[in-house]
Amino acid sequence: MDNIIMEILSITKATVKVLTTNHLINYSLAEPIVRKELHNMPDGSVFIYCLVGDKAYWKDPNNEFRKNLKLTGVPTLLKYGTPQKLVEEECFKAELVRMLFTED
């Protein structure tokens, strides 16, 4: 299992989609695109869907997502342990999502 799409504080490569309840419009645009591209993930990969909490928690500059993962926006799709990530409107582009899932 070289390509692991794991939870936020996991080890090795991981992809985590992150959103807040106040970003439902962006999420509703990104979710069908991301789900459609999931079949492009390498065998043995794991995809973890993660909520970042309510607006107050997300806006706190000291929340775990901002501190540990350096997240700046939602939704975010990232390959954990690498600099590869898509933020906000980038998650709406199937070709970018596909590249994130298929490239090392």
C-alpha atoms as a PDB file:
ATOM      1  CA  MET A   1       0.000   0.000   0.000  1.00  0.00           C
ATOM      2  CA  ASP A   2       2.318   2.729  -1.209  1.00  0.00           C
ATOM      3  CA  ASN A   3      -0.498   5.114  -2.142  1.00  0.00           C
ATOM      4  CA  ILE A   4      -2.539   5.684   0.967  1.00  0.00           C
ATOM      5  CA  ILE A   5      -5.213   8.310   1.020  1.00  0.00           C
ATOM      6  CA  MET A   6      -5.499   8.635   4.781  1.00  0.00           C
ATOM      7  CA  GLU A   7      -6.815  10.627   7.647  1.00  0.00           C
ATOM      8  CA  ILE A   8      -5.334  14.006   8.466  1.00  0.00           C
ATOM      9  CA  LEU A   9      -2.802  12.951  11.089  1.00  0.00           C
ATOM     10  CA  SER A  10      -1.840   9.708   9.386  1.00  0.00           C
ATOM     11  CA  ILE A  11       1.436   8.546   7.917  1.00  0.00           C
ATOM     12  CA  THR A  12       2.636   8.612   4.271  1.00  0.00           C
ATOM     13  CA  LYS A  13       0.653   9.900   1.273  1.00  0.00           C
ATOM     14  CA  ALA A  14      -2.965  10.789   1.860  1.00  0.00           C
ATOM     15  CA  THR A  15      -5.788  12.688   0.257  1.00  0.00           C
ATOM     16  CA  VAL A  16      -8.240  14.480   2.486  1.00  0.00           C
ATOM     17  CA  LYS A  17     -11.213  16.509   1.356  1.00  0.00           C
ATOM     18  CA  VAL A  18     -11.995  19.241   3.857  1.00  0.00           C
ATOM     19  CA  LEU A  19     -15.020  21.527   4.117  1.00  0.00           C
ATOM     20  CA  THR A  20     -17.186  23.487   6.546  1.00  0.00           C
ATOM     21  CA  THR A  21     -20.938  23.773   6.766  1.00  0.00           C
ATOM     22  CA  ASN A  22     -20.623  27.382   5.590  1.00  0.00           C
ATOM     23  CA  HIS A  23     -18.984  26.243   2.384  1.00  0.00           C
ATOM     24  CA  LEU A  24     -21.839  24.048   1.202  1.00  0.00           C
ATOM     25  CA  ILE A  25     -22.067  25.795  -2.153  1.00  0.00           C
ATOM     26  CA  ASN A  26     -18.415  25.115  -2.954  1.00  0.00           C
ATOM     27  CA  TYR A  27     -18.756  21.616  -1.544  1.00  0.00           C
ATOM     28  CA  SER A  28     -21.856  20.871  -3.604  1.00  0.00           C
ATOM     29  CA  LEU A  29     -19.952  21.905  -6.727  1.00  0.00           C
ATOM     30  CA  ALA A  30     -16.811  19.934  -5.858  1.00  0.00           C
ATOM     31  CA  GLU A  31     -18.296  16.726  -4.441  1.00  0.00           C
ATOM     32  CA  PRO A  32     -19.708  15.205  -7.648  1.00  0.00           C
ATOM     33  CA  ILE A  33     -16.470  15.956  -9.501  1.00  0.00           C
ATOM     34  CA  VAL A  34     -14.311  14.406  -6.781  1.00  0.00           C
ATOM     35  CA  ARG A  35     -16.572  11.343  -6.464  1.00  0.00           C
ATOM     36  CA  LYS A  36     -16.521  10.804 -10.231  1.00  0.00           C
ATOM     37  CA  GLU A  37     -12.703  10.804 -10.221  1.00  0.00           C
ATOM     38  CA  LEU A  38     -12.240   8.463  -7.232  1.00  0.00           C
ATOM     39  CA  HIS A  39     -11.909   5.459  -9.566  1.00  0.00           C
ATOM     40  CA  ASN A  40      -8.635   6.989 -10.801  1.00  0.00           C
ATOM     41  CA  MET A  41      -6.932   6.523  -7.443  1.00  0.00           C
ATOM     42  CA  PRO A  42      -4.234   3.812  -7.429  1.00  0.00           C
ATOM     43  CA  ASP A  43      -5.143   0.378  -6.076  1.00  0.00           C
ATOM     44  CA  GLY A  44      -4.695   0.217  -2.321  1.00  0.00           C
ATOM     45  CA  SER A  45      -5.433   3.928  -1.848  1.00  0.00           C
ATOM     46  CA  VAL A  46      -7.798   5.141   0.837  1.00  0.00           C
ATOM     47  CA  PHE A  47      -9.928   8.292   0.578  1.00  0.00           C
ATOM     48  CA  ILE A  48     -10.927  10.063   3.799  1.00  0.00           C
ATOM     49  CA  TYR A  49     -13.651  12.695   3.921  1.00  0.00           C
ATOM     50  CA  CYS A  50     -13.198  15.115   6.816  1.00  0.00           C
ATOM     51  CA  LEU A  51     -15.217  18.055   8.135  1.00  0.00           C
ATOM     52  CA  VAL A  52     -13.327  21.025   9.545  1.00  0.00           C
ATOM     53  CA  GLY A  53     -16.057  22.101  11.946  1.00  0.00           C
ATOM     54  CA  ASP A  54     -18.326  25.088  12.295  1.00  0.00           C
ATOM     55  CA  LYS A  55     -17.507  28.596  11.093  1.00  0.00           C
ATOM     56  CA  ALA A  56     -16.093  29.773  14.433  1.00  0.00           C
ATOM     57  CA  TYR A  57     -13.698  26.823  14.634  1.00  0.00           C
ATOM     58  CA  TRP A  58     -12.627  27.122  10.997  1.00  0.00           C
ATOM     59  CA  LYS A  59     -11.957  30.871  11.310  1.00  0.00           C
ATOM     60  CA  ASP A  60      -9.732  30.344  14.368  1.00  0.00           C
ATOM     61  CA  PRO A  61      -6.139  30.682  13.056  1.00  0.00           C
ATOM     62  CA  ASN A  62      -5.023  28.168  15.680  1.00  0.00           C
ATOM     63  CA  ASN A  63      -7.350  25.341  14.654  1.00  0.00           C
ATOM     64  CA  GLU A  64      -5.698  22.002  13.939  1.00  0.00           C
ATOM     65  CA  PHE A  65      -6.344  22.165  10.187  1.00  0.00           C
ATOM     66  CA  ARG A  66      -4.722  25.557   9.761  1.00  0.00           C
ATOM     67  CA  LYS A  67      -1.822  24.800  12.119  1.00  0.00           C
ATOM     68  CA  ASN A  68      -0.970  21.217  11.164  1.00  0.00           C
ATOM     69  CA  LEU A  69      -2.011  21.066   7.516  1.00  0.00           C
ATOM     70  CA  LYS A  70      -1.611  24.741   6.622  1.00  0.00           C
ATOM     71  CA  LEU A  71      -5.098  24.808   5.080  1.00  0.00           C
ATOM     72  CA  THR A  72      -6.231  28.169   3.750  1.00  0.00           C
ATOM     73  CA  GLY A  73      -9.604  27.389   2.211  1.00  0.00           C
ATOM     74  CA  VAL A  74     -12.344  24.840   1.806  1.00  0.00           C
ATOM     75  CA  PRO A  75     -12.973  22.581   0.160  1.00  0.00           C
ATOM     76  CA  THR A  76      -9.406  21.335   0.001  1.00  0.00           C
ATOM     77  CA  LEU A  77      -8.302  18.098  -1.591  1.00  0.00           C
ATOM     78  CA  LEU A  78      -4.778  17.115  -0.606  1.00  0.00           C
ATOM     79  CA  LYS A  79      -2.351  14.271  -0.809  1.00  0.00           C
ATOM     80  CA  TYR A  80      -1.123  14.009   2.762  1.00  0.00           C
ATOM     81  CA  GLY A  81       2.627  14.110   3.234  1.00  0.00           C
ATOM     82  CA  THR A  82       3.194  15.880  -0.097  1.00  0.00           C
ATOM     83  CA  PRO A  83       2.845  19.495  -1.242  1.00  0.00           C
ATOM     84  CA  GLN A  84       0.130  18.418  -3.708  1.00  0.00           C
ATOM     85  CA  LYS A  85      -3.278  19.951  -3.038  1.00  0.00           C
ATOM     86  CA  LEU A  86      -6.260  21.618  -4.656  1.00  0.00           C
ATOM     87  CA  VAL A  87      -8.026  24.484  -2.890  1.00  0.00           C
ATOM     88  CA  GLU A  88     -11.531  25.865  -3.375  1.00  0.00           C
ATOM     89  CA  GLU A  89     -12.324  26.400  -7.093  1.00  0.00           C
ATOM     90  CA  GLU A  90      -9.478  24.089  -8.147  1.00  0.00           C
ATOM     91  CA  CYS A  91     -11.593  21.226  -6.758  1.00  0.00           C
ATOM     92  CA  PHE A  92     -14.235  22.039  -9.426  1.00  0.00           C
ATOM     93  CA  LYS A  93     -11.911  21.009 -12.268  1.00  0.00           C
ATOM     94  CA  ALA A  94     -12.049  17.292 -13.071  1.00  0.00           C
ATOM     95  CA  GLU A  95      -8.696  17.322 -14.860  1.00  0.00           C
ATOM     96  CA  LEU A  96      -6.939  18.754 -11.774  1.00  0.00           C
ATOM     97  CA  VAL A  97      -8.645  16.259  -9.446  1.00  0.00           C
ATOM     98  CA  ARG A  98      -7.667  13.415 -11.781  1.00  0.00           C
ATOM     99  CA  MET A  99      -4.034  14.597 -11.839  1.00  0.00           C
ATOM    100  CA  LEU A 100      -3.949  14.761  -8.025  1.00  0.00           C
ATOM    101  CA  PHE A 101      -5.280  11.201  -7.808  1.00  0.00           C
ATOM    102  CA  THR A 102      -2.998   9.719 -10.452  1.00  0.00           C
ATOM    103  CA  GLU A 103       0.358  11.499 -10.171  1.00  0.00           C
ATOM    104  CA  ASP A 104       2.997  10.815  -7.511  1.00  0.00           C
END
